[in-house]
Amino acid sequence: MPGTSTSDRIQLRERPLIVSDVDEVVLEFINPFKAFLDSCGHVLLPRSFRLTGNIIDRANEQPLAEAEVKALLDSFYGTQDRWQTPAAQVVETLAALSEEADIVFLTAMPPHHAAIRRALLDRLGLPYPLLASEEPKGPIVQNLHGGRPVPLVFVDDILRNLQSVQHHTPSCLLINLMVNAEFRALAPKPDAGIRAVADWPEAAATIRAHFEG
């Protein structure tokens, strides 16, 4: 199905649901974005867990302003199919999990870039439904799940998104996964009730234990 900003077109079965972020979870983001920035004459420095203030213009060695960072991100997303690659072992891991659970991608990206992301995911063997929204993720996951009596899992690299889902669906298994180890080390530590994992095989083991429990 095409990328969309709403969940009304997604048909779920009466079985567990896995909702996953895309950037730095399903698709690599940091390394591709670094390569994109290099092509534009900029560099991303691993000084803190944020983009603004850490993207430097190579010509004058000054950090880019927030508006410039936003423009670069928009340009990157517009050409993401040239840069982004799947996270290690994600394709085979999600394929196996899809035999026992529905999978939905929820990406924090302007919806006007959803079509190019949809095409990229399909090309990489990740055909699961895609929602693109810049709204808080908690209400979206709550609406998608609909309070059904089946296990729910949410995977994301950003703590505020995990906290949002935790607030709206307290019974959800929350998994913190970030592909890039360098920036993962700079991230805030997960709250209680959020499971941090290093990769997709570890995530899959945690998810299956939740299903069985």
Protein backbone atom coordinates (compact mmCIF):
# COMPACT_ATOMS: atom_id res chain seq x y z
CA MET A 1 0.00 0.00 0.00
CA PRO A 2 1.19 3.56 -0.55
CA GLY A 3 2.66 5.56 2.29
CA THR A 4 0.07 7.60 4.13
CA SER A 5 -0.25 9.79 7.21
CA THR A 6 -3.32 7.94 8.55
CA SER A 7 -3.97 4.39 9.68
CA ASP A 8 -7.52 3.99 8.37
CA ARG A 9 -6.43 1.99 5.30
CA ILE A 10 -4.39 -0.60 7.20
CA GLN A 11 -6.15 -3.92 7.69
CA LEU A 12 -4.88 -5.84 10.70
CA ARG A 13 -5.52 -9.47 11.55
CA GLU A 14 -6.31 -10.84 15.01
CA ARG A 15 -2.71 -11.58 15.85
CA PRO A 16 0.21 -9.68 17.45
CA LEU A 17 1.17 -6.29 16.03
CA ILE A 18 4.70 -4.93 15.66
CA VAL A 19 4.98 -1.20 14.94
CA SER A 20 8.47 -0.06 14.00
CA ASP A 21 10.17 3.22 13.26
CA VAL A 22 12.23 3.32 10.06
CA ASP A 23 15.25 5.67 10.27
CA GLU A 24 18.11 4.12 12.28
CA VAL A 25 15.88 1.13 13.04
CA VAL A 26 14.88 -0.49 9.75
CA LEU A 27 16.97 1.67 7.42
CA GLU A 28 20.38 3.06 8.26
CA PHE A 29 20.18 6.83 8.65
CA ILE A 30 23.32 8.22 10.30
CA ASN A 31 25.90 6.77 7.90
CA PRO A 32 23.89 7.51 4.73
CA PHE A 33 23.16 11.03 6.01
CA LYS A 34 26.87 11.55 6.69
CA ALA A 35 27.64 10.55 3.10
CA PHE A 36 24.93 12.90 1.83
CA LEU A 37 26.30 15.77 3.95
CA ASP A 38 29.81 15.11 2.67
CA SER A 39 28.53 15.49 -0.88
CA CYS A 40 27.17 18.91 0.15
CA GLY A 41 30.38 20.07 1.82
CA HIS A 42 29.30 19.41 5.39
CA VAL A 43 30.20 16.97 8.17
CA LEU A 44 28.20 15.52 11.08
CA LEU A 45 30.23 15.39 14.30
CA PRO A 46 29.30 12.90 17.07
CA ARG A 47 29.34 15.45 19.88
CA SER A 48 25.79 15.07 21.21
CA PHE A 49 22.56 13.26 20.36
CA ARG A 50 21.18 15.87 17.99
CA LEU A 51 21.67 17.18 14.47
CA THR A 52 21.40 20.95 14.91
CA GLY A 53 24.71 22.24 16.25
CA ASN A 54 26.63 19.16 15.11
CA ILE A 55 26.45 19.63 11.34
CA ILE A 56 29.47 21.72 10.34
CA ASP A 57 30.18 23.58 7.10
CA ARG A 58 33.60 22.38 5.96
CA ALA A 59 34.35 25.73 4.29
CA ASN A 60 34.10 27.90 7.42
CA GLU A 61 33.97 25.22 10.17
CA GLN A 62 30.77 26.77 11.56
CA PRO A 63 27.67 24.84 12.64
CA LEU A 64 24.64 25.14 10.38
CA ALA A 65 21.54 26.95 11.64
CA GLU A 66 18.38 24.97 12.39
CA ALA A 67 16.67 26.15 9.18
CA GLU A 68 19.64 24.96 7.12
CA VAL A 69 19.58 21.57 8.84
CA LYS A 70 15.86 21.24 8.14
CA ALA A 71 16.42 22.06 4.46
CA LEU A 72 19.20 19.48 4.22
CA LEU A 73 17.00 16.83 5.82
CA ASP A 74 14.23 17.57 3.35
CA SER A 75 16.66 17.26 0.48
CA PHE A 76 18.04 14.01 1.89
CA TYR A 77 14.57 12.49 2.23
CA GLY A 78 13.81 13.54 -1.33
CA THR A 79 16.76 11.45 -2.52
CA GLN A 80 16.78 8.80 0.22
CA ASP A 81 16.58 5.97 -2.32
CA ARG A 82 20.12 6.87 -3.44
CA TRP A 83 21.57 6.77 0.06
CA GLN A 84 19.74 4.59 2.56
CA THR A 85 20.40 0.88 3.11
CA PRO A 86 18.69 -1.71 5.32
CA ALA A 87 19.86 -2.33 8.87
CA ALA A 88 21.83 -5.53 9.39
CA GLN A 89 19.60 -8.66 9.34
CA VAL A 90 16.37 -6.63 9.32
CA VAL A 91 14.98 -8.09 6.09
CA GLU A 92 15.19 -11.73 7.14
CA THR A 93 14.24 -10.99 10.75
CA LEU A 94 11.04 -9.14 9.84
CA ALA A 95 10.17 -11.74 7.22
CA ALA A 96 10.30 -14.43 9.92
CA LEU A 97 8.34 -12.31 12.42
CA SER A 98 5.69 -11.55 9.78
CA GLU A 99 4.69 -15.22 9.85
CA GLU A 100 3.29 -14.73 13.34
CA ALA A 101 2.58 -10.99 13.61
CA ASP A 102 1.38 -8.04 11.56
CA ILE A 103 4.09 -5.43 10.95
CA VAL A 104 3.54 -1.71 10.33
CA PHE A 105 6.21 0.94 9.77
CA LEU A 106 5.61 4.30 11.48
CA THR A 107 8.15 6.84 10.25
CA ALA A 108 8.61 10.36 11.65
CA MET A 109 9.00 11.98 8.24
CA PRO A 110 7.05 14.58 6.24
CA PRO A 111 4.27 12.62 4.49
CA HIS A 112 5.13 14.16 1.11
CA HIS A 113 8.24 11.94 1.09
CA ALA A 114 6.27 8.76 1.82
CA ALA A 115 6.00 7.61 -1.80
CA ILE A 116 9.75 7.52 -2.35
CA ARG A 117 10.23 5.71 0.98
CA ARG A 118 7.51 3.22 0.05
CA ALA A 119 9.29 2.44 -3.23
CA LEU A 120 12.64 2.07 -1.45
CA LEU A 121 11.25 -0.27 1.20
CA ASP A 122 9.57 -2.42 -1.45
CA ARG A 123 12.79 -2.62 -3.45
CA LEU A 124 14.69 -3.78 -0.36
CA GLY A 125 12.23 -6.55 0.48
CA LEU A 126 10.41 -4.68 3.27
CA PRO A 127 6.81 -4.60 1.95
CA TYR A 128 5.00 -3.87 5.21
CA PRO A 129 2.44 -1.03 5.45
CA LEU A 130 3.94 2.43 5.98
CA LEU A 131 2.60 5.40 7.93
CA ALA A 132 4.45 8.73 7.63
CA SER A 133 3.63 11.40 10.20
CA GLU A 134 5.28 14.17 12.18
CA GLU A 135 2.64 13.90 14.93
CA PRO A 136 3.35 12.22 18.31
CA LYS A 137 3.53 8.46 17.87
CA GLY A 138 1.60 7.42 20.97
CA PRO A 139 -1.87 8.36 19.73
CA ILE A 140 -1.12 6.87 16.29
CA VAL A 141 -0.11 3.51 17.78
CA GLN A 142 -3.09 3.56 20.15
CA ASN A 143 -5.48 4.22 17.26
CA LEU A 144 -3.83 1.58 15.09
CA HIS A 145 -3.96 -1.12 17.78
CA GLY A 146 -7.49 -0.20 18.80
CA GLY A 147 -7.28 -1.86 22.21
CA ARG A 148 -7.41 -5.36 20.70
CA PRO A 149 -6.56 -8.28 23.06
CA VAL A 150 -3.39 -9.22 21.17
CA PRO A 151 0.27 -8.44 21.99
CA LEU A 152 1.63 -5.09 20.84
CA VAL A 153 5.29 -4.18 20.23
CA PHE A 154 6.80 -0.79 19.39
CA VAL A 155 10.41 -0.34 18.20
CA ASP A 156 12.09 3.09 17.95
CA ASP A 157 15.46 4.77 18.43
CA ILE A 158 14.14 7.98 20.00
CA LEU A 159 13.22 8.04 23.69
CA ARG A 160 10.41 10.59 23.37
CA ASN A 161 8.62 8.37 20.84
CA LEU A 162 8.89 5.37 23.14
CA GLN A 163 7.62 7.47 26.06
CA SER A 164 4.68 8.69 23.95
CA VAL A 165 3.64 5.12 23.12
CA GLN A 166 4.21 4.04 26.72
CA HIS A 167 1.79 6.74 27.89
CA HIS A 168 -0.96 5.83 25.43
CA THR A 169 -0.61 2.01 25.42
CA PRO A 170 0.92 0.93 28.76
CA SER A 171 0.73 -2.79 27.92
CA CYS A 172 2.96 -2.37 24.83
CA LEU A 173 6.41 -3.95 24.74
CA LEU A 174 8.79 -1.04 24.11
CA ILE A 175 12.10 -1.72 22.37
CA ASN A 176 14.87 0.85 21.96
CA LEU A 177 16.97 0.00 18.90
CA MET A 178 19.47 2.27 17.14
CA VAL A 179 21.70 0.90 14.40
CA ASN A 180 24.57 3.38 14.72
CA ALA A 181 26.63 2.46 17.80
CA GLU A 182 28.52 5.77 17.84
CA PHE A 183 25.39 7.88 18.23
CA ARG A 184 23.61 5.23 20.33
CA ALA A 185 26.29 5.83 22.97
CA LEU A 186 25.28 9.51 23.07
CA ALA A 187 21.55 8.84 23.42
CA PRO A 188 19.61 9.30 26.68
CA LYS A 189 19.34 6.11 28.69
CA PRO A 190 15.96 4.36 28.31
CA ASP A 191 13.41 4.66 31.09
CA ALA A 192 12.26 1.71 33.15
CA GLY A 193 9.99 -0.48 31.09
CA ILE A 194 11.90 0.15 27.85
CA ARG A 195 14.12 -2.68 26.60
CA ALA A 196 17.35 -1.58 24.89
CA VAL A 197 18.69 -3.99 22.26
CA ALA A 198 21.76 -3.85 20.03
CA ASP A 199 20.40 -5.38 16.82
CA TRP A 200 17.47 -7.10 15.12
CA PRO A 201 18.28 -10.66 16.22
CA GLU A 202 18.20 -9.48 19.86
CA ALA A 203 15.00 -7.56 19.17
CA ALA A 204 13.40 -10.67 17.64
CA ALA A 205 14.28 -12.80 20.68
CA THR A 206 12.77 -10.16 22.98
CA ILE A 207 9.62 -9.93 20.84
CA ARG A 208 9.11 -13.70 20.72
CA ALA A 209 9.54 -13.97 24.49
CA HIS A 210 6.84 -11.29 24.84
CA PHE A 211 4.50 -13.20 22.53
CA GLU A 212 5.04 -16.42 24.46
CA GLY A 213 4.59 -14.73 27.83
